[in-house]
Amino acid sequence: MEAIDTPFLDVDDEEGLISDVKAARQLGFTGKACINPRQIEVIHVGFALSLEEIAHVRRVIQVIADAEREGNGVVALDGKMVDAPIVALARRVLAMAEAVGLET
């Protein structure tokens, strides 16, 4: 499922766009609409997956697989709970990474 943020209207404020993209990503948006082609690259860069993020979701998937083999549906990773919604997000992120050819 995709959640697309509304466009940033000031086409001459690249720093504002960068900040807006960061905020949108932190809120869980997966993309952002734009009103000018000059905004495309900033938006792409802002929503691009880092190799560190991909490595983390691979770890999430591995620890939950290990936990499920032991009969557990919830486990901690780096002090944070990993349960079904976190695993679902990790699988979506990994699918996106694989779709665009990113490897870790």
PDB file of N, CA and C in Angstrom:
ATOM      1  N   MET A   1       0.838  -1.165   0.000  1.00  0.00           N
ATOM      2  CA  MET A   1       0.000   0.000   0.000  1.00  0.00           C
ATOM      3  C   MET A   1       0.892   1.240   0.000  1.00  0.00           C
ATOM      4  N   GLU A   2       0.539   2.177  -0.835  1.00  0.00           N
ATOM      5  CA  GLU A   2       1.301   3.412  -0.960  1.00  0.00           C
ATOM      6  C   GLU A   2       0.572   4.552  -0.262  1.00  0.00           C
ATOM      7  N   ALA A   3       1.320   5.434   0.327  1.00  0.00           N
ATOM      8  CA  ALA A   3       0.781   6.651   0.941  1.00  0.00           C
ATOM      9  C   ALA A   3       1.564   7.821   0.355  1.00  0.00           C
ATOM     10  N   ILE A   4       0.916   8.586  -0.515  1.00  0.00           N
ATOM     11  CA  ILE A   4       1.578   9.659  -1.233  1.00  0.00           C
ATOM     12  C   ILE A   4       1.239  11.001  -0.592  1.00  0.00           C
ATOM     13  N   ASP A   5       2.260  11.756  -0.252  1.00  0.00           N
ATOM     14  CA  ASP A   5       2.099  13.072   0.359  1.00  0.00           C
ATOM     15  C   ASP A   5       1.730  14.109  -0.702  1.00  0.00           C
ATOM     16  N   THR A   6       1.124  15.179  -0.270  1.00  0.00           N
ATOM     17  CA  THR A   6       0.743  16.272  -1.163  1.00  0.00           C
ATOM     18  C   THR A   6       1.975  17.025  -1.655  1.00  0.00           C
ATOM     19  N   PRO A   7       1.859  17.771  -2.742  1.00  0.00           N
ATOM     20  CA  PRO A   7       3.024  18.486  -3.265  1.00  0.00           C
ATOM     21  C   PRO A   7       3.464  19.645  -2.379  1.00  0.00           C
ATOM     22  N   PHE A   8       4.731  19.958  -2.491  1.00  0.00           N
ATOM     23  CA  PHE A   8       5.305  21.145  -1.860  1.00  0.00           C
ATOM     24  C   PHE A   8       5.167  22.259  -2.884  1.00  0.00           C
ATOM     25  N   LEU A   9       4.526  23.344  -2.531  1.00  0.00           N
ATOM     26  CA  LEU A   9       4.097  24.332  -3.514  1.00  0.00           C
ATOM     27  C   LEU A   9       5.141  25.372  -3.909  1.00  0.00           C
ATOM     28  N   ASP A  10       6.151  25.606  -3.090  1.00  0.00           N
ATOM     29  CA  ASP A  10       7.152  26.629  -3.413  1.00  0.00           C
ATOM     30  C   ASP A  10       8.262  25.999  -4.256  1.00  0.00           C
ATOM     31  N   VAL A  11       8.136  26.099  -5.565  1.00  0.00           N
ATOM     32  CA  VAL A  11       9.090  25.439  -6.460  1.00  0.00           C
ATOM     33  C   VAL A  11      10.484  26.056  -6.408  1.00  0.00           C
ATOM     34  N   ASP A  12      10.631  27.207  -5.799  1.00  0.00           N
ATOM     35  CA  ASP A  12      11.934  27.856  -5.700  1.00  0.00           C
ATOM     36  C   ASP A  12      12.633  27.615  -4.361  1.00  0.00           C
ATOM     37  N   ASP A  13      12.019  26.836  -3.477  1.00  0.00           N
ATOM     38  CA  ASP A  13      12.577  26.586  -2.144  1.00  0.00           C
ATOM     39  C   ASP A  13      13.016  25.126  -2.028  1.00  0.00           C
ATOM     40  N   GLU A  14      14.211  24.831  -2.544  1.00  0.00           N
ATOM     41  CA  GLU A  14      14.699  23.451  -2.519  1.00  0.00           C
ATOM     42  C   GLU A  14      14.947  22.959  -1.092  1.00  0.00           C
ATOM     43  N   GLU A  15      15.485  23.807  -0.234  1.00  0.00           N
ATOM     44  CA  GLU A  15      15.724  23.405   1.159  1.00  0.00           C
ATOM     45  C   GLU A  15      14.400  23.092   1.857  1.00  0.00           C
ATOM     46  N   GLY A  16      13.382  23.883   1.583  1.00  0.00           N
ATOM     47  CA  GLY A  16      12.064  23.614   2.154  1.00  0.00           C
ATOM     48  C   GLY A  16      11.508  22.295   1.654  1.00  0.00           C
ATOM     49  N   LEU A  17      11.729  22.003   0.379  1.00  0.00           N
ATOM     50  CA  LEU A  17      11.275  20.725  -0.191  1.00  0.00           C
ATOM     51  C   LEU A  17      11.998  19.564   0.472  1.00  0.00           C
ATOM     52  N   ILE A  18      13.308  19.684   0.639  1.00  0.00           N
ATOM     53  CA  ILE A  18      14.085  18.630   1.294  1.00  0.00           C
ATOM     54  C   ILE A  18      13.536  18.373   2.693  1.00  0.00           C
ATOM     55  N   SER A  19      13.297  19.424   3.429  1.00  0.00           N
ATOM     56  CA  SER A  19      12.746  19.302   4.786  1.00  0.00           C
ATOM     57  C   SER A  19      11.360  18.662   4.765  1.00  0.00           C
ATOM     58  N   ASP A  20      10.545  19.066   3.812  1.00  0.00           N
ATOM     59  CA  ASP A  20       9.190  18.527   3.702  1.00  0.00           C
ATOM     60  C   ASP A  20       9.206  17.042   3.348  1.00  0.00           C
ATOM     61  N   VAL A  21      10.113  16.648   2.474  1.00  0.00           N
ATOM     62  CA  VAL A  21      10.253  15.233   2.099  1.00  0.00           C
ATOM     63  C   VAL A  21      10.686  14.416   3.316  1.00  0.00           C
ATOM     64  N   LYS A  22      11.659  14.923   4.080  1.00  0.00           N
ATOM     65  CA  LYS A  22      12.106  14.211   5.286  1.00  0.00           C
ATOM     66  C   LYS A  22      10.956  14.025   6.262  1.00  0.00           C
ATOM     67  N   ALA A  23      10.175  15.074   6.461  1.00  0.00           N
ATOM     68  CA  ALA A  23       9.036  14.989   7.385  1.00  0.00           C
ATOM     69  C   ALA A  23       8.007  13.983   6.881  1.00  0.00           C
ATOM     70  N   ALA A  24       7.733  14.005   5.602  1.00  0.00           N
ATOM     71  CA  ALA A  24       6.758  13.074   5.029  1.00  0.00           C
ATOM     72  C   ALA A  24       7.216  11.628   5.207  1.00  0.00           C
ATOM     73  N   ARG A  25       8.489  11.387   4.966  1.00  0.00           N
ATOM     74  CA  ARG A  25       9.016  10.023   5.115  1.00  0.00           C
ATOM     75  C   ARG A  25       8.937   9.564   6.573  1.00  0.00           C
ATOM     76  N   GLN A  26       9.252  10.467   7.501  1.00  0.00           N
ATOM     77  CA  GLN A  26       9.176  10.119   8.921  1.00  0.00           C
ATOM     78  C   GLN A  26       7.742   9.820   9.346  1.00  0.00           C
ATOM     79  N   LEU A  27       6.789  10.436   8.690  1.00  0.00           N
ATOM     80  CA  LEU A  27       5.377  10.182   9.005  1.00  0.00           C
ATOM     81  C   LEU A  27       4.847   8.907   8.357  1.00  0.00           C
ATOM     82  N   GLY A  28       5.669   8.268   7.523  1.00  0.00           N
ATOM     83  CA  GLY A  28       5.273   7.008   6.920  1.00  0.00           C
ATOM     84  C   GLY A  28       4.828   7.093   5.473  1.00  0.00           C
ATOM     85  N   PHE A  29       4.924   8.268   4.877  1.00  0.00           N
ATOM     86  CA  PHE A  29       4.583   8.370   3.458  1.00  0.00           C
ATOM     87  C   PHE A  29       5.621   7.622   2.633  1.00  0.00           C
ATOM     88  N   THR A  30       5.187   7.070   1.507  1.00  0.00           N
ATOM     89  CA  THR A  30       6.084   6.311   0.636  1.00  0.00           C
ATOM     90  C   THR A  30       6.447   7.080  -0.626  1.00  0.00           C
ATOM     91  N   GLY A  31       5.862   8.248  -0.802  1.00  0.00           N
ATOM     92  CA  GLY A  31       6.149   9.075  -1.965  1.00  0.00           C
ATOM     93  C   GLY A  31       5.544  10.454  -1.780  1.00  0.00           C
ATOM     94  N   LYS A  32       5.763  11.295  -2.780  1.00  0.00           N
ATOM     95  CA  LYS A  32       5.284  12.664  -2.699  1.00  0.00           C
ATOM     96  C   LYS A  32       4.954  13.144  -4.101  1.00  0.00           C
ATOM     97  N   ALA A  33       3.823  13.806  -4.231  1.00  0.00           N
ATOM     98  CA  ALA A  33       3.462  14.412  -5.504  1.00  0.00           C
ATOM     99  C   ALA A  33       4.315  15.659  -5.718  1.00  0.00           C
ATOM    100  N   CYS A  34       4.520  16.017  -6.974  1.00  0.00           N
ATOM    101  CA  CYS A  34       5.258  17.246  -7.254  1.00  0.00           C
ATOM    102  C   CYS A  34       4.506  18.067  -8.299  1.00  0.00           C
ATOM    103  N   ILE A  35       4.818  19.352  -8.338  1.00  0.00           N
ATOM    104  CA  ILE A  35       4.142  20.226  -9.294  1.00  0.00           C
ATOM    105  C   ILE A  35       5.108  20.772 -10.333  1.00  0.00           C
ATOM    106  N   ASN A  36       6.388  20.427 -10.196  1.00  0.00           N
ATOM    107  CA  ASN A  36       7.383  20.928 -11.127  1.00  0.00           C
ATOM    108  C   ASN A  36       8.446  19.849 -11.317  1.00  0.00           C
ATOM    109  N   PRO A  37       8.885  19.624 -12.543  1.00  0.00           N
ATOM    110  CA  PRO A  37       9.901  18.588 -12.783  1.00  0.00           C
ATOM    111  C   PRO A  37      11.193  18.789 -11.994  1.00  0.00           C
ATOM    112  N   ARG A  38      11.498  20.033 -11.602  1.00  0.00           N
ATOM    113  CA  ARG A  38      12.709  20.277 -10.809  1.00  0.00           C
ATOM    114  C   ARG A  38      12.635  19.615  -9.444  1.00  0.00           C
ATOM    115  N   GLN A  39      11.448  19.254  -8.995  1.00  0.00           N
ATOM    116  CA  GLN A  39      11.280  18.646  -7.672  1.00  0.00           C
ATOM    117  C   GLN A  39      11.507  17.128  -7.687  1.00  0.00           C
ATOM    118  N   ILE A  40      11.486  16.530  -8.849  1.00  0.00           N
ATOM    119  CA  ILE A  40      11.530  15.062  -8.949  1.00  0.00           C
ATOM    120  C   ILE A  40      12.779  14.474  -8.310  1.00  0.00           C
ATOM    121  N   GLU A  41      13.948  14.982  -8.660  1.00  0.00           N
ATOM    122  CA  GLU A  41      15.187  14.401  -8.135  1.00  0.00           C
ATOM    123  C   GLU A  41      15.266  14.508  -6.615  1.00  0.00           C
ATOM    124  N   VAL A  42      14.891  15.641  -6.061  1.00  0.00           N
ATOM    125  CA  VAL A  42      14.913  15.819  -4.602  1.00  0.00           C
ATOM    126  C   VAL A  42      13.986  14.805  -3.938  1.00  0.00           C
ATOM    127  N   ILE A  43      12.824  14.607  -4.510  1.00  0.00           N
ATOM    128  CA  ILE A  43      11.862  13.654  -3.955  1.00  0.00           C
ATOM    129  C   ILE A  43      12.400  12.233  -4.080  1.00  0.00           C
ATOM    130  N   HIS A  44      12.962  11.881  -5.223  1.00  0.00           N
ATOM    131  CA  HIS A  44      13.526  10.538  -5.399  1.00  0.00           C
ATOM    132  C   HIS A  44      14.631  10.268  -4.387  1.00  0.00           C
ATOM    133  N   VAL A  45      15.522  11.224  -4.239  1.00  0.00           N
ATOM    134  CA  VAL A  45      16.625  11.062  -3.280  1.00  0.00           C
ATOM    135  C   VAL A  45      16.085  10.930  -1.858  1.00  0.00           C
ATOM    136  N   GLY A  46      15.105  11.747  -1.525  1.00  0.00           N
ATOM    137  CA  GLY A  46      14.552  11.727  -0.171  1.00  0.00           C
ATOM    138  C   GLY A  46      13.843  10.440   0.206  1.00  0.00           C
ATOM    139  N   PHE A  47      13.275   9.772  -0.780  1.00  0.00           N
ATOM    140  CA  PHE A  47      12.553   8.532  -0.502  1.00  0.00           C
ATOM    141  C   PHE A  47      13.353   7.277  -0.856  1.00  0.00           C
ATOM    142  N   ALA A  48      14.565   7.445  -1.355  1.00  0.00           N
ATOM    143  CA  ALA A  48      15.388   6.295  -1.720  1.00  0.00           C
ATOM    144  C   ALA A  48      15.768   5.495  -0.475  1.00  0.00           C
ATOM    145  N   LEU A  49      15.808   4.197  -0.633  1.00  0.00           N
ATOM    146  CA  LEU A  49      16.206   3.311   0.462  1.00  0.00           C
ATOM    147  C   LEU A  49      17.730   3.285   0.570  1.00  0.00           C
ATOM    148  N   SER A  50      18.221   3.377   1.778  1.00  0.00           N
ATOM    149  CA  SER A  50      19.665   3.261   1.980  1.00  0.00           C
ATOM    150  C   SER A  50      20.023   1.786   2.170  1.00  0.00           C
ATOM    151  N   LEU A  51      21.277   1.470   1.927  1.00  0.00           N
ATOM    152  CA  LEU A  51      21.727   0.093   2.139  1.00  0.00           C
ATOM    153  C   LEU A  51      21.588  -0.299   3.607  1.00  0.00           C
ATOM    154  N   GLU A  52      21.733   0.669   4.517  1.00  0.00           N
ATOM    155  CA  GLU A  52      21.574   0.393   5.948  1.00  0.00           C
ATOM    156  C   GLU A  52      20.123   0.014   6.262  1.00  0.00           C
ATOM    157  N   GLU A  53      19.179   0.715   5.645  1.00  0.00           N
ATOM    158  CA  GLU A  53      17.766   0.382   5.862  1.00  0.00           C
ATOM    159  C   GLU A  53      17.453  -1.021   5.353  1.00  0.00           C
ATOM    160  N   ILE A  54      17.993  -1.340   4.201  1.00  0.00           N
ATOM    161  CA  ILE A  54      17.754  -2.671   3.628  1.00  0.00           C
ATOM    162  C   ILE A  54      18.374  -3.748   4.513  1.00  0.00           C
ATOM    163  N   ALA A  55      19.576  -3.512   4.997  1.00  0.00           N
ATOM    164  CA  ALA A  55      20.232  -4.472   5.894  1.00  0.00           C
ATOM    165  C   ALA A  55      19.404  -4.657   7.164  1.00  0.00           C
ATOM    166  N   HIS A  56      18.847  -3.565   7.690  1.00  0.00           N
ATOM    167  CA  HIS A  56      18.030  -3.652   8.904  1.00  0.00           C
ATOM    168  C   HIS A  56      16.779  -4.498   8.666  1.00  0.00           C
ATOM    169  N   VAL A  57      16.078  -4.274   7.556  1.00  0.00           N
ATOM    170  CA  VAL A  57      14.857  -5.059   7.328  1.00  0.00           C
ATOM    171  C   VAL A  57      15.180  -6.529   7.103  1.00  0.00           C
ATOM    172  N   ARG A  58      16.323  -6.810   6.535  1.00  0.00           N
ATOM    173  CA  ARG A  58      16.736  -8.220   6.401  1.00  0.00           C
ATOM    174  C   ARG A  58      16.940  -8.838   7.791  1.00  0.00           C
ATOM    175  N   ARG A  59      17.526  -8.069   8.702  1.00  0.00           N
ATOM    176  CA  ARG A  59      17.706  -8.554  10.078  1.00  0.00           C
ATOM    177  C   ARG A  59      16.355  -8.786  10.743  1.00  0.00           C
ATOM    178  N   VAL A  60      15.412  -7.865  10.542  1.00  0.00           N
ATOM    179  CA  VAL A  60      14.066  -8.013  11.110  1.00  0.00           C
ATOM    180  C   VAL A  60      13.443  -9.322  10.626  1.00  0.00           C
ATOM    181  N   ILE A  61      13.514  -9.557   9.341  1.00  0.00           N
ATOM    182  CA  ILE A  61      12.918 -10.776   8.778  1.00  0.00           C
ATOM    183  C   ILE A  61      13.613 -12.018   9.323  1.00  0.00           C
ATOM    184  N   GLN A  62      14.930 -11.948   9.484  1.00  0.00           N
ATOM    185  CA  GLN A  62      15.663 -13.096  10.021  1.00  0.00           C
ATOM    186  C   GLN A  62      15.312 -13.371  11.484  1.00  0.00           C
ATOM    187  N   VAL A  63      15.254 -12.333  12.330  1.00  0.00           N
ATOM    188  CA  VAL A  63      14.976 -12.578  13.745  1.00  0.00           C
ATOM    189  C   VAL A  63      13.548 -13.072  13.959  1.00  0.00           C
ATOM    190  N   ILE A  64      12.600 -12.609  13.153  1.00  0.00           N
ATOM    191  CA  ILE A  64      11.233 -13.107  13.329  1.00  0.00           C
ATOM    192  C   ILE A  64      11.128 -14.539  12.826  1.00  0.00           C
ATOM    193  N   ALA A  65      11.855 -14.875  11.769  1.00  0.00           N
ATOM    194  CA  ALA A  65      11.851 -16.265  11.288  1.00  0.00           C
ATOM    195  C   ALA A  65      12.434 -17.185  12.362  1.00  0.00           C
ATOM    196  N   ASP A  66      13.525 -16.751  12.987  1.00  0.00           N
ATOM    197  CA  ASP A  66      14.125 -17.539  14.074  1.00  0.00           C
ATOM    198  C   ASP A  66      13.141 -17.677  15.239  1.00  0.00           C
ATOM    199  N   ALA A  67      12.480 -16.593  15.592  1.00  0.00           N
ATOM    200  CA  ALA A  67      11.517 -16.616  16.699  1.00  0.00           C
ATOM    201  C   ALA A  67      10.341 -17.538  16.391  1.00  0.00           C
ATOM    202  N   GLU A  68       9.843 -17.475  15.166  1.00  0.00           N
ATOM    203  CA  GLU A  68       8.708 -18.329  14.794  1.00  0.00           C
ATOM    204  C   GLU A  68       9.080 -19.802  14.838  1.00  0.00           C
ATOM    205  N   ARG A  69      10.319 -20.140  14.482  1.00  0.00           N
ATOM    206  CA  ARG A  69      10.764 -21.533  14.574  1.00  0.00           C
ATOM    207  C   ARG A  69      10.756 -22.021  16.019  1.00  0.00           C
ATOM    208  N   GLU A  70      10.928 -21.072  16.953  1.00  0.00           N
ATOM    209  CA  GLU A  70      10.917 -21.403  18.381  1.00  0.00           C
ATOM    210  C   GLU A  70       9.529 -21.260  18.987  1.00  0.00           C
ATOM    211  N   GLY A  71       8.529 -20.934  18.151  1.00  0.00           N
ATOM    212  CA  GLY A  71       7.164 -20.813  18.635  1.00  0.00           C
ATOM    213  C   GLY A  71       6.777 -19.445  19.149  1.00  0.00           C
ATOM    214  N   ASN A  72       7.580 -18.432  18.856  1.00  0.00           N
ATOM    215  CA  ASN A  72       7.296 -17.065  19.298  1.00  0.00           C
ATOM    216  C   ASN A  72       6.861 -16.202  18.115  1.00  0.00           C
ATOM    217  N   GLY A  73       5.918 -15.312  18.359  1.00  0.00           N
ATOM    218  CA  GLY A  73       5.467 -14.404  17.312  1.00  0.00           C
ATOM    219  C   GLY A  73       5.993 -12.996  17.491  1.00  0.00           C
ATOM    220  N   VAL A  74       6.628 -12.755  18.629  1.00  0.00           N
ATOM    221  CA  VAL A  74       7.169 -11.427  18.936  1.00  0.00           C
ATOM    222  C   VAL A  74       8.575 -11.624  19.478  1.00  0.00           C
ATOM    223  N   VAL A  75       9.465 -10.725  19.105  1.00  0.00           N
ATOM    224  CA  VAL A  75      10.852 -10.803  19.553  1.00  0.00           C
ATOM    225  C   VAL A  75      11.404  -9.382  19.622  1.00  0.00           C
ATOM    226  N   ALA A  76      12.517  -9.219  20.299  1.00  0.00           N
ATOM    227  CA  ALA A  76      13.170  -7.905  20.351  1.00  0.00           C
ATOM    228  C   ALA A  76      14.392  -7.916  19.447  1.00  0.00           C
ATOM    229  N   LEU A  77      14.628  -6.776  18.815  1.00  0.00           N
ATOM    230  CA  LEU A  77      15.819  -6.588  17.997  1.00  0.00           C
ATOM    231  C   LEU A  77      16.377  -5.218  18.357  1.00  0.00           C
ATOM    232  N   ASP A  78      17.598  -5.204  18.830  1.00  0.00           N
ATOM    233  CA  ASP A  78      18.240  -3.950  19.242  1.00  0.00           C
ATOM    234  C   ASP A  78      17.383  -3.203  20.258  1.00  0.00           C
ATOM    235  N   GLY A  79      16.733  -3.945  21.151  1.00  0.00           N
ATOM    236  CA  GLY A  79      15.936  -3.343  22.210  1.00  0.00           C
ATOM    237  C   GLY A  79      14.546  -2.895  21.794  1.00  0.00           C
ATOM    238  N   LYS A  80      14.148  -3.189  20.556  1.00  0.00           N
ATOM    239  CA  LYS A  80      12.827  -2.775  20.081  1.00  0.00           C
ATOM    240  C   LYS A  80      12.011  -4.005  19.704  1.00  0.00           C
ATOM    241  N   MET A  81      10.709  -3.929  20.008  1.00  0.00           N
ATOM    242  CA  MET A  81       9.821  -5.042  19.724  1.00  0.00           C
ATOM    243  C   MET A  81       9.633  -5.219  18.217  1.00  0.00           C
ATOM    244  N   VAL A  82       9.671  -6.471  17.791  1.00  0.00           N
ATOM    245  CA  VAL A  82       9.387  -6.828  16.406  1.00  0.00           C
ATOM    246  C   VAL A  82       8.172  -7.735  16.435  1.00  0.00           C
ATOM    247  N   ASP A  83       7.054  -7.237  15.882  1.00  0.00           N
ATOM    248  CA  ASP A  83       5.832  -8.033  15.822  1.00  0.00           C
ATOM    249  C   ASP A  83       5.284  -7.974  14.403  1.00  0.00           C
ATOM    250  N   ALA A  84       4.083  -8.475  14.203  1.00  0.00           N
ATOM    251  CA  ALA A  84       3.521  -8.622  12.860  1.00  0.00           C
ATOM    252  C   ALA A  84       3.518  -7.334  12.034  1.00  0.00           C
ATOM    253  N   PRO A  85       3.089  -6.180  12.565  1.00  0.00           N
ATOM    254  CA  PRO A  85       3.111  -4.975  11.734  1.00  0.00           C
ATOM    255  C   PRO A  85       4.526  -4.558  11.303  1.00  0.00           C
ATOM    256  N   ILE A  86       5.499  -4.732  12.190  1.00  0.00           N
ATOM    257  CA  ILE A  86       6.885  -4.392  11.861  1.00  0.00           C
ATOM    258  C   ILE A  86       7.411  -5.337  10.785  1.00  0.00           C
ATOM    259  N   VAL A  87       7.064  -6.606  10.902  1.00  0.00           N
ATOM    260  CA  VAL A  87       7.490  -7.592   9.908  1.00  0.00           C
ATOM    261  C   VAL A  87       6.843  -7.297   8.555  1.00  0.00           C
ATOM    262  N   ALA A  88       5.565  -6.941   8.561  1.00  0.00           N
ATOM    263  CA  ALA A  88       4.882  -6.614   7.303  1.00  0.00           C
ATOM    264  C   ALA A  88       5.559  -5.428   6.619  1.00  0.00           C
ATOM    265  N   LEU A  89       5.904  -4.403   7.390  1.00  0.00           N
ATOM    266  CA  LEU A  89       6.600  -3.251   6.830  1.00  0.00           C
ATOM    267  C   LEU A  89       7.966  -3.667   6.292  1.00  0.00           C
ATOM    268  N   ALA A  90       8.686  -4.482   7.033  1.00  0.00           N
ATOM    269  CA  ALA A  90      10.009  -4.935   6.597  1.00  0.00           C
ATOM    270  C   ALA A  90       9.901  -5.699   5.278  1.00  0.00           C
ATOM    271  N   ARG A  91       8.890  -6.528   5.147  1.00  0.00           N
ATOM    272  CA  ARG A  91       8.706  -7.285   3.899  1.00  0.00           C
ATOM    273  C   ARG A  91       8.379  -6.358   2.727  1.00  0.00           C
ATOM    274  N   ARG A  92       7.578  -5.316   2.983  1.00  0.00           N
ATOM    275  CA  ARG A  92       7.264  -4.351   1.912  1.00  0.00           C
ATOM    276  C   ARG A  92       8.523  -3.595   1.487  1.00  0.00           C
ATOM    277  N   VAL A  93       9.322  -3.176   2.470  1.00  0.00           N
ATOM    278  CA  VAL A  93      10.557  -2.450   2.162  1.00  0.00           C
ATOM    279  C   VAL A  93      11.502  -3.343   1.371  1.00  0.00           C
ATOM    280  N   LEU A  94      11.637  -4.589   1.779  1.00  0.00           N
ATOM    281  CA  LEU A  94      12.517  -5.509   1.072  1.00  0.00           C
ATOM    282  C   LEU A  94      12.014  -5.764  -0.343  1.00  0.00           C
ATOM    283  N   ALA A  95      10.720  -5.893  -0.520  1.00  0.00           N
ATOM    284  CA  ALA A  95      10.153  -6.083  -1.858  1.00  0.00           C
ATOM    285  C   ALA A  95      10.447  -4.873  -2.747  1.00  0.00           C
ATOM    286  N   MET A  96      10.326  -3.662  -2.170  1.00  0.00           N
ATOM    287  CA  MET A  96      10.644  -2.443  -2.936  1.00  0.00           C
ATOM    288  C   MET A  96      12.124  -2.448  -3.336  1.00  0.00           C
ATOM    289  N   ALA A  97      12.978  -2.802  -2.399  1.00  0.00           N
ATOM    290  CA  ALA A  97      14.418  -2.818  -2.670  1.00  0.00           C
ATOM    291  C   ALA A  97      14.741  -3.814  -3.764  1.00  0.00           C
ATOM    292  N   GLU A  98      14.156  -4.987  -3.696  1.00  0.00           N
ATOM    293  CA  GLU A  98      14.403  -6.001  -4.706  1.00  0.00           C
ATOM    294  C   GLU A  98      13.843  -5.575  -6.060  1.00  0.00           C
ATOM    295  N   ALA A  99      12.707  -4.878  -6.045  1.00  0.00           N
ATOM    296  CA  ALA A  99      12.076  -4.432  -7.297  1.00  0.00           C
ATOM    297  C   ALA A  99      12.968  -3.442  -8.046  1.00  0.00           C
ATOM    298  N   VAL A 100      13.736  -2.648  -7.312  1.00  0.00           N
ATOM    299  CA  VAL A 100      14.610  -1.673  -7.973  1.00  0.00           C
ATOM    300  C   VAL A 100      16.058  -2.162  -8.055  1.00  0.00           C
ATOM    301  N   GLY A 101      16.294  -3.414  -7.672  1.00  0.00           N
ATOM    302  CA  GLY A 101      17.610  -4.015  -7.842  1.00  0.00           C
ATOM    303  C   GLY A 101      18.631  -3.664  -6.785  1.00  0.00           C
ATOM    304  N   LEU A 102      18.189  -3.240  -5.595  1.00  0.00           N
ATOM    305  CA  LEU A 102      19.146  -2.931  -4.524  1.00  0.00           C
ATOM    306  C   LEU A 102      19.520  -4.204  -3.785  1.00  0.00           C
ATOM    307  N   GLU A 103      20.781  -4.366  -3.500  1.00  0.00           N
ATOM    308  CA  GLU A 103      21.294  -5.527  -2.772  1.00  0.00           C
ATOM    309  C   GLU A 103      22.050  -5.055  -1.542  1.00  0.00           C
ATOM    310  N   THR A 104      22.138  -5.913  -0.531  1.00  0.00           N
ATOM    311  CA  THR A 104      22.999  -5.606   0.618  1.00  0.00           C
ATOM    312  C   THR A 104      24.046  -6.690   0.733  1.00  0.00           C
TER     313      THR A 104
END
